[in-house]
Amino acid sequence: MQKIEIGIEGMSCGSCVSRVERALNKQPGMIKASVNLTTQKAFVEFLSDTLSLPRIHQAIRDAGYEPREPDTSTQAEELDKEGNDLRRKVIFAAALIIPVVLIAMGKMIPALELYTPVSCLIGAGWLLNGS
């Protein structure tokens, strides 16, 4: 018995998942096949002496979808790059929005009522000159 995870391209709805699961479960030697739409992957358990990986890939193609070959190194690098980019954007947005919120909402918070004008006056040189 062998357990593998296969990426699948082209699925967009629950009907797609059902179609792939039915195609996989019809294969002789398939013990269990479940497909996850969110991760775009099929998790299969099969008897390796009865069913081969190329036959499983062909069943997915026959259902109208394309199996992906595992390529973990580039996927991990791409996800890491995307995560770093998103983190940088969030920090940049937070740095810009905090002063705006303090100025706009300062009067609503009694403790910040005096803080906002004082911080703008004291920090005016820094804000204008950047030093």
Protein backbone atom coordinates (compact mmCIF):
# COMPACT_ATOMS: atom_id res chain seq x y z
CA MET A 1 0.00 0.00 0.00
CA GLN A 2 1.26 3.44 -0.90
CA LYS A 3 0.07 6.93 0.13
CA ILE A 4 0.82 9.95 -2.05
CA GLU A 5 -0.24 13.54 -2.54
CA ILE A 6 -0.80 14.80 -6.10
CA GLY A 7 -1.29 18.43 -7.11
CA ILE A 8 -4.13 19.06 -9.56
CA GLU A 9 -4.52 22.11 -11.81
CA GLY A 10 -7.78 23.49 -13.12
CA MET A 11 -10.28 22.72 -10.35
CA SER A 12 -12.59 25.60 -9.48
CA CYS A 13 -15.65 24.18 -7.67
CA GLY A 14 -17.07 21.31 -5.66
CA SER A 15 -18.26 19.59 -8.82
CA CYS A 16 -14.66 19.47 -10.06
CA VAL A 17 -13.60 17.81 -6.80
CA SER A 18 -16.38 15.22 -7.08
CA ARG A 19 -15.46 14.44 -10.68
CA VAL A 20 -11.80 13.82 -9.81
CA GLU A 21 -12.66 11.77 -6.70
CA ARG A 22 -15.05 9.58 -8.69
CA ALA A 23 -12.46 9.04 -11.43
CA LEU A 24 -9.80 8.09 -8.91
CA ASN A 25 -12.01 5.82 -6.78
CA LYS A 26 -13.07 3.87 -9.91
CA GLN A 27 -9.49 2.74 -10.48
CA PRO A 28 -8.80 -0.91 -9.57
CA GLY A 29 -6.45 -1.03 -6.61
CA MET A 30 -7.50 2.36 -5.23
CA ILE A 31 -8.15 2.15 -1.49
CA LYS A 32 -9.06 5.75 -0.79
CA ALA A 33 -8.94 9.02 -2.72
CA SER A 34 -9.90 12.43 -1.38
CA VAL A 35 -9.47 15.75 -3.14
CA ASN A 36 -9.12 19.15 -1.47
CA LEU A 37 -10.25 22.15 -3.52
CA THR A 38 -8.44 24.70 -1.36
CA THR A 39 -5.02 23.11 -1.62
CA GLN A 40 -5.68 21.80 -5.17
CA LYS A 41 -4.37 18.37 -4.14
CA ALA A 42 -5.53 14.77 -4.16
CA PHE A 43 -4.59 12.47 -1.30
CA VAL A 44 -4.61 8.86 -2.47
CA GLU A 45 -3.99 5.45 -0.92
CA PHE A 46 -3.57 2.60 -3.38
CA LEU A 47 -2.12 -0.85 -3.80
CA SER A 48 1.18 -0.28 -5.58
CA ASP A 49 1.23 -3.76 -7.11
CA THR A 50 -2.17 -3.20 -8.78
CA LEU A 51 -2.18 0.52 -9.62
CA SER A 52 0.66 2.73 -10.82
CA LEU A 53 1.26 6.46 -10.49
CA PRO A 54 1.12 7.06 -14.27
CA ARG A 55 -2.31 5.37 -14.32
CA ILE A 56 -3.51 7.67 -11.52
CA HIS A 57 -2.23 10.69 -13.47
CA GLN A 58 -4.07 9.41 -16.55
CA ALA A 59 -7.31 9.05 -14.57
CA ILE A 60 -6.99 12.69 -13.49
CA ARG A 61 -6.40 13.73 -17.12
CA ASP A 62 -9.41 11.67 -18.22
CA ALA A 63 -11.51 13.60 -15.70
CA GLY A 64 -10.44 16.81 -17.46
CA TYR A 65 -7.71 18.13 -15.15
CA GLU A 66 -3.94 18.19 -15.18
CA PRO A 67 -1.84 16.53 -12.45
CA ARG A 68 1.17 18.53 -11.26
CA GLU A 69 4.57 17.04 -10.65
CA PRO A 70 5.89 17.74 -7.14
CA ASP A 71 8.33 20.65 -7.19
CA THR A 72 8.73 21.60 -3.56
CA SER A 73 11.89 23.69 -3.77
CA THR A 74 10.53 26.36 -6.12
CA GLN A 75 7.13 26.39 -4.41
CA ALA A 76 8.70 26.96 -1.00
CA GLU A 77 10.91 29.74 -2.35
CA GLU A 78 7.96 31.38 -4.09
CA LEU A 79 5.79 31.22 -0.95
CA ASP A 80 8.64 32.63 1.15
CA LYS A 81 9.17 35.50 -1.29
CA GLU A 82 5.44 36.21 -1.37
CA GLY A 83 5.28 36.16 2.44
CA ASN A 84 8.20 38.59 2.75
CA ASP A 85 6.63 40.91 0.20
CA LEU A 86 3.30 40.86 2.03
CA ARG A 87 5.01 41.47 5.39
CA ARG A 88 6.86 44.50 3.96
CA LYS A 89 3.61 45.93 2.56
CA VAL A 90 1.77 45.50 5.88
CA ILE A 91 4.54 47.22 7.85
CA PHE A 92 4.65 50.08 5.34
CA ALA A 93 0.86 50.50 5.49
CA ALA A 94 0.86 50.43 9.30
CA ALA A 95 3.59 53.06 9.43
CA LEU A 96 1.49 55.34 7.23
CA ILE A 97 -1.88 54.72 8.85
CA ILE A 98 -0.94 55.10 12.53
CA PRO A 99 -0.31 58.87 12.34
CA VAL A 100 -3.50 59.35 10.31
CA VAL A 101 -5.57 57.47 12.90
CA LEU A 102 -4.00 59.42 15.75
CA ILE A 103 -4.76 62.75 14.06
CA ALA A 104 -8.29 61.79 13.01
CA MET A 105 -9.35 59.95 16.17
CA GLY A 106 -7.25 61.78 18.76
CA LYS A 107 -10.15 63.95 19.93
CA MET A 108 -12.30 60.88 20.64
CA ILE A 109 -9.80 59.39 23.07
CA PRO A 110 -9.37 61.74 26.07
CA ALA A 111 -5.79 60.60 26.75
CA LEU A 112 -4.79 61.47 23.17
CA GLU A 113 -6.59 64.84 23.03
CA LEU A 114 -3.47 66.77 24.00
CA TYR A 115 -1.05 64.23 22.55
CA THR A 116 -2.00 64.78 18.91
CA PRO A 117 -1.33 68.55 18.62
CA VAL A 118 1.77 68.34 20.83
CA SER A 119 3.24 65.47 18.82
CA CYS A 120 2.57 67.29 15.55
CA LEU A 121 4.23 70.49 16.82
CA ILE A 122 7.23 68.76 18.35
CA GLY A 123 7.59 66.35 15.45
CA ALA A 124 6.95 68.93 12.72
CA GLY A 125 10.66 69.37 11.99
CA TRP A 126 11.18 65.67 11.76
CA LEU A 127 8.07 65.18 9.62
CA LEU A 128 8.99 67.97 7.20
CA ASN A 129 12.74 67.43 6.97
CA GLY A 130 12.89 63.70 7.53
CA SER A 131 15.61 64.05 10.14
